[in-house]
Every structure is written in C-alpha cells, then in structure tokens.
Protein backbone atom coordinates (compact mmCIF):
# COMPACT_ATOMS: atom_id res chain seq x y z
CA MET A 1 153.21 121.77 108.54
CA ILE A 2 150.12 123.85 109.60
CA LYS A 3 149.26 126.84 108.66
CA LYS A 4 146.37 129.31 109.02
CA ASN A 5 143.27 128.86 108.78
CA ASP A 6 143.70 124.40 109.50
CA PHE A 7 141.55 122.93 112.25
CA VAL A 8 143.81 120.86 114.59
CA GLU A 9 143.50 118.95 117.74
CA ILE A 10 145.78 120.01 120.19
CA GLU A 11 145.91 119.19 124.03
CA PHE A 12 147.66 121.24 126.11
CA SER A 13 148.74 122.67 129.28
CA ALA A 14 149.36 126.20 130.21
CA ARG A 15 151.15 128.23 133.56
CA VAL A 16 152.36 131.42 134.39
CA LYS A 17 156.32 131.19 134.05
CA GLU A 18 157.92 129.72 137.08
CA GLY A 19 154.49 128.70 138.05
CA GLU A 20 151.61 126.66 138.82
CA ILE A 21 149.36 125.79 136.13
CA PHE A 22 146.02 127.65 135.25
CA ASP A 23 144.89 125.94 132.61
CA THR A 24 145.34 121.89 130.92
CA THR A 25 143.38 120.02 128.84
CA LEU A 26 145.41 116.93 130.67
CA LYS A 27 143.46 114.81 132.52
CA GLU A 28 145.87 114.07 135.16
CA GLU A 29 147.02 117.90 135.15
CA ALA A 30 143.24 118.72 135.21
CA GLU A 31 142.64 116.52 138.18
CA LYS A 32 145.03 118.58 140.43
CA LEU A 33 143.23 121.84 139.39
CA GLY A 34 139.87 120.17 141.24
CA ILE A 35 138.51 119.95 137.66
CA LYS A 36 136.54 116.36 136.87
CA LYS A 37 138.17 114.40 134.16
CA GLU A 38 135.66 114.11 132.25
CA ASP A 39 135.08 118.01 132.03
CA VAL A 40 138.41 118.25 130.13
CA LYS A 41 139.61 116.58 126.35
CA PRO A 42 141.41 118.06 123.74
CA LEU A 43 140.50 121.05 121.57
CA VAL A 44 139.62 121.68 118.05
CA VAL A 45 140.71 125.15 116.87
CA CYS A 46 140.67 127.03 113.47
CA VAL A 47 144.40 128.96 113.69
CA GLY A 48 144.57 132.01 113.07
CA GLN A 49 140.76 132.46 113.74
CA GLY A 50 140.97 134.27 117.47
CA MET A 51 140.63 130.87 119.29
CA LEU A 52 143.82 131.08 121.26
CA VAL A 53 145.19 133.51 123.39
CA SER A 54 146.89 135.71 120.08
CA GLY A 55 150.41 134.19 121.02
CA LEU A 56 149.51 130.94 121.21
CA ASP A 57 147.11 130.94 117.70
CA LYS A 58 150.38 132.66 116.41
CA ALA A 59 153.04 129.70 117.16
CA LEU A 60 150.78 127.10 116.02
CA GLU A 61 151.92 127.89 112.23
CA GLY A 62 154.64 126.40 111.13
CA LYS A 63 154.10 123.36 113.25
CA ASP A 64 154.19 119.81 112.64
CA VAL A 65 151.31 117.49 113.74
CA GLY A 66 152.62 114.58 116.15
CA LYS A 67 155.40 117.14 118.20
CA LYS A 68 155.43 118.57 121.88
CA TYR A 69 156.39 122.03 121.81
CA THR A 70 156.93 124.34 124.27
CA ILE A 71 155.75 127.85 124.42
CA GLY A 72 156.84 131.03 125.68
CA LEU A 73 154.27 134.14 125.80
CA LYS A 74 155.11 137.71 126.96
CA PRO A 75 152.25 139.67 128.49
CA GLU A 76 150.88 141.44 125.42
CA GLU A 77 150.86 138.38 123.42
CA ALA A 78 148.55 135.99 126.02
CA PHE A 79 146.51 137.94 128.82
CA GLY A 80 147.62 141.79 128.19
CA GLU A 81 149.46 143.88 130.24
CA ARG A 82 147.76 145.24 133.38
CA ASP A 83 145.63 148.67 133.47
CA ALA A 84 145.86 150.79 136.06
CA ARG A 85 142.83 152.81 134.75
CA MET A 86 140.81 148.51 135.25
CA VAL A 87 141.36 149.50 139.52
CA LYS A 88 138.40 151.03 140.51
CA THR A 89 136.93 152.69 143.10
CA ILE A 90 133.29 151.68 144.38
CA PRO A 91 130.71 152.79 146.49
CA LEU A 92 130.69 150.52 149.41
CA ARG A 93 126.33 150.77 148.91
CA VAL A 94 126.66 149.50 145.46
CA PHE A 95 127.83 145.81 147.25
CA LEU A 96 125.04 146.07 149.62
CA ASP A 97 122.12 147.16 147.88
CA LYS A 98 122.69 143.99 145.79
CA GLU A 99 123.67 142.26 149.70
CA ILE A 100 126.69 141.58 148.57
CA ASN A 101 129.17 141.57 151.63
CA PRO A 102 132.59 142.67 149.79
CA HIS A 103 136.11 141.58 151.60
CA PRO A 104 140.01 141.38 149.97
CA GLY A 105 140.08 138.83 147.33
CA LEU A 106 136.54 138.09 146.62
CA VAL A 107 136.05 138.00 142.93
CA LEU A 108 132.68 137.90 141.48
CA ALA A 109 130.80 139.36 138.54
CA LEU A 110 130.65 142.85 137.76
CA ASP A 111 129.06 144.86 134.75
CA ASN A 112 129.66 140.97 132.93
CA MET A 113 133.36 141.41 134.01
CA LEU A 114 135.15 139.12 136.53
CA ALA A 115 136.58 141.65 139.59
CA LYS A 116 138.24 141.29 142.60
CA VAL A 117 138.08 143.01 145.64
CA ILE A 118 141.50 144.65 146.61
CA ALA A 119 140.09 146.60 149.65
CA VAL A 120 137.66 148.29 151.66
CA SER A 121 137.67 150.81 153.55
CA GLY A 122 136.20 154.03 154.61
CA GLY A 123 132.96 153.41 152.66
CA ARG A 124 134.79 152.43 149.52
CA VAL A 125 136.14 149.23 147.93
CA ILE A 126 139.11 149.08 145.57
CA THR A 127 137.61 146.67 142.66
CA ASP A 128 140.51 145.15 140.32
CA PHE A 129 138.98 145.28 136.39
CA ASN A 130 141.72 143.61 135.30
CA ASN A 131 142.16 139.84 133.92
CA PRO A 132 144.42 137.83 136.99
CA LEU A 133 146.97 136.68 134.73
CA SER A 134 147.01 140.02 132.60
CA GLY A 135 150.41 141.32 133.36
CA LYS A 136 152.28 137.43 134.04
CA ASN A 137 154.90 135.82 131.78
CA VAL A 138 153.28 132.77 130.45
CA VAL A 139 154.20 128.88 129.26
CA TYR A 140 152.54 127.07 126.92
CA GLU A 141 152.98 123.36 127.19
CA ILE A 142 151.81 122.38 123.68
CA LYS A 143 151.20 118.50 121.45
CA VAL A 144 149.36 119.39 118.26
CA LEU A 145 147.51 115.18 117.85
CA ARG A 146 145.81 115.78 114.16
CA GLU A 147 144.75 117.28 111.62
CA VAL A 148 141.20 118.04 111.23
CA THR A 149 139.64 117.38 107.90
CA ASP A 150 135.52 116.35 108.94
CA GLU A 151 133.93 119.19 108.17
CA ASN A 152 130.98 118.11 111.17
CA GLU A 153 133.63 118.24 112.80
CA LYS A 154 134.85 121.71 111.98
CA ILE A 155 131.69 122.55 112.76
CA ASN A 156 130.74 122.04 116.07
CA ALA A 157 134.36 122.87 116.70
CA LEU A 158 132.70 126.78 116.15
CA GLN A 159 129.47 125.92 117.68
CA ASP A 160 131.74 125.34 121.34
CA PHE A 161 133.49 128.83 120.43
CA PHE A 162 131.05 131.19 119.16
CA PHE A 163 127.46 129.40 120.61
CA GLY A 164 128.36 127.36 123.54
CA MET A 165 126.49 125.26 122.51
CA ARG A 166 125.55 122.97 119.58
CA LEU A 167 122.71 122.94 117.59
CA LYS A 168 121.41 120.21 114.34
CA PHE A 169 122.00 121.17 110.71
CA GLU A 170 123.20 119.94 107.55
CA ILE A 171 125.76 120.51 104.62
CA LYS A 172 123.92 120.80 101.60
CA ASP A 173 125.21 122.05 98.13
CA LYS A 174 128.10 123.49 99.97
CA LYS A 175 125.76 125.24 102.64
CA VAL A 176 125.77 124.80 106.20
CA ILE A 177 121.86 124.92 107.15
CA PHE A 178 120.94 124.85 110.85
CA LYS A 179 117.79 124.02 112.71
CA ALA A 180 117.23 126.38 115.35
CA GLU A 181 114.41 127.95 116.84
CA LYS A 182 113.79 131.29 115.59
CA GLN A 183 114.64 132.96 119.08
CA PHE A 184 117.88 132.04 117.80
CA HIS A 185 118.42 132.93 114.30
CA PRO A 186 119.43 136.25 115.68
CA VAL A 187 122.60 135.10 116.95
CA LEU A 188 123.40 133.17 114.23
CA ASN A 189 123.27 135.76 111.72
CA HIS A 190 125.79 137.62 113.50
CA PHE A 191 128.54 134.49 113.15
CA LYS A 192 127.15 133.73 109.65
CA GLY A 193 129.94 136.12 108.31
CA SER A 194 132.37 134.30 110.37
CA PHE A 195 131.68 130.88 109.58
CA GLU A 196 131.71 131.28 106.03
CA GLU A 197 134.44 132.91 105.69
CA ILE A 198 136.21 130.27 107.69
CA LEU A 199 134.60 127.28 106.09
CA LYS A 200 133.94 128.89 102.70
CA LEU A 201 130.68 127.01 102.79
CA GLY A 202 127.48 129.67 102.64
CA VAL A 203 125.51 129.41 105.96
CA SER A 204 121.64 130.02 106.25
CA ALA A 205 118.70 129.04 108.88
CA GLU A 206 116.26 126.26 109.27
CA GLU A 207 113.58 127.15 111.98
CA VAL A 208 112.09 124.10 113.81
CA LYS A 209 109.70 124.85 116.33
CA LYS A 210 110.95 123.99 120.01
CA GLU A 211 108.36 120.87 120.30
CA ASP A 212 110.10 119.33 117.67
CA LYS A 213 113.52 120.21 118.12
CA GLN A 214 115.67 117.45 118.23
CA GLU A 215 118.91 117.33 119.40
CA ASN A 216 122.31 117.06 118.40
CA PRO A 217 124.13 114.01 119.48
CA GLU A 218 126.85 115.99 120.30
CA GLU A 219 125.39 119.03 121.66
CA LYS A 220 127.12 120.74 124.44
CA PRO A 221 125.07 123.22 126.97
CA ALA A 222 128.16 124.91 127.83
CA ALA A 223 130.85 126.96 126.72
CA GLU A 224 134.50 125.83 127.00
CA ALA A 225 136.76 128.76 128.02
CA LYS A 226 139.32 130.10 126.33
CA SER A 227 142.50 129.40 126.40
C-alpha cells in the first residue's frame, strides 16, 4: 500500500469529465494529441510532495502497486476554480509595442503566465489568465507500475521536477553531492531543504568548471510538464 513520501512510477491519461484527453504518459494516446511517442514515458513522483495536482497526489495514498484506478477530481482538487479577477483588459498598444497582433483565441506568455485573448475591440484586449482547465472536473485513469527504491532514480526524479534538468552527482556518507558550475549553486541552495526533507539525505554542491563538466548520462534538457 502506497504511503506519503513513497516514490512510485505511474502511467496515466487525464481528460476533462465527459471530454477529451489533455495529458497522458501513454504512447498511443500521445500520438492522438500530436505528441511524439519518444517524448512520453511513465512518470516517477514522490507521493504527497506536490509533484501532481493536489487531488491526485492525495488519492495515491492507500493505493496498491500494479492496479488501475479511475480518479475523478473537482476543480478545487485539480486546476482550481475560475477567478474573474484573472480576466483583464489590456491596452492594445501593449501588444503592438511587442509586435504582437492579438486576436481571439491567441494564447501567449505575458508576465510569465499563459494568457488567452478573449476579445479585441476599441483599442482594448480582453485577456484571460486563468488556467484553461480551471473550473473543470477532470478524470485521471492511472496505474501504479512500481515502487521506486533506487536512490539515484529518486534523485533524478526530483531533479526533473525542481530543476528541469539533471546534474551529475554522487552519494557519499549519507549525502548527495551535486557537481555543478558555481552559477547554479544558488538554485541548489534554494531547493536544498526540499531534497533533504524528502530523501532524508544531506545535500551539498561541488563546483566544476564549465570546460570540465561531465554530463549525466541521463541528463534531460527541459522540464516535463506538471500533471
């Protein structure tokens, strides 16, 4: 039975209730979404540590390895309720100054957030900063493939989630020693507490020069999206 802080490997498909799939780790479903098969694989997560939407994270506790489950989530358990305050009117010139020609349906990044253009009129652009899935009931079809016990695999799963990349490291004297350029040390220090709390291991960084850097054989260049 799965408990909080256990690491598990899962596969899933997620859909809006009575709607279409919007996320998946299954290759056959990914193709339907226009995602390449090689870009999807099962996900390793630490249960109860916010690596999944809150309702799914909580629902994994008490489940059994090897079984399939259908988990329905209300908006507050998934991507939140819609917030009218997140619908904003922005002067058209703000877009034109950035050489953007806004039109209804356009999705773009503004202020480090995704926003969807709802309407354009009279020199104003009505823009919705709500998550497209906010206010929706969603359903996850999920299977717990296995419990993960290997420390290296756990560390890499946390690197994927927190860093969006993988640094070379070694485990020595109950401590994880990351090999990183000095400029990356502040990031390591920021997440040090989370790593130590989850892994029950100390964390430190060892400086390497850029020209001496050796890539982790499993290094990933980009973060996987949070389900």
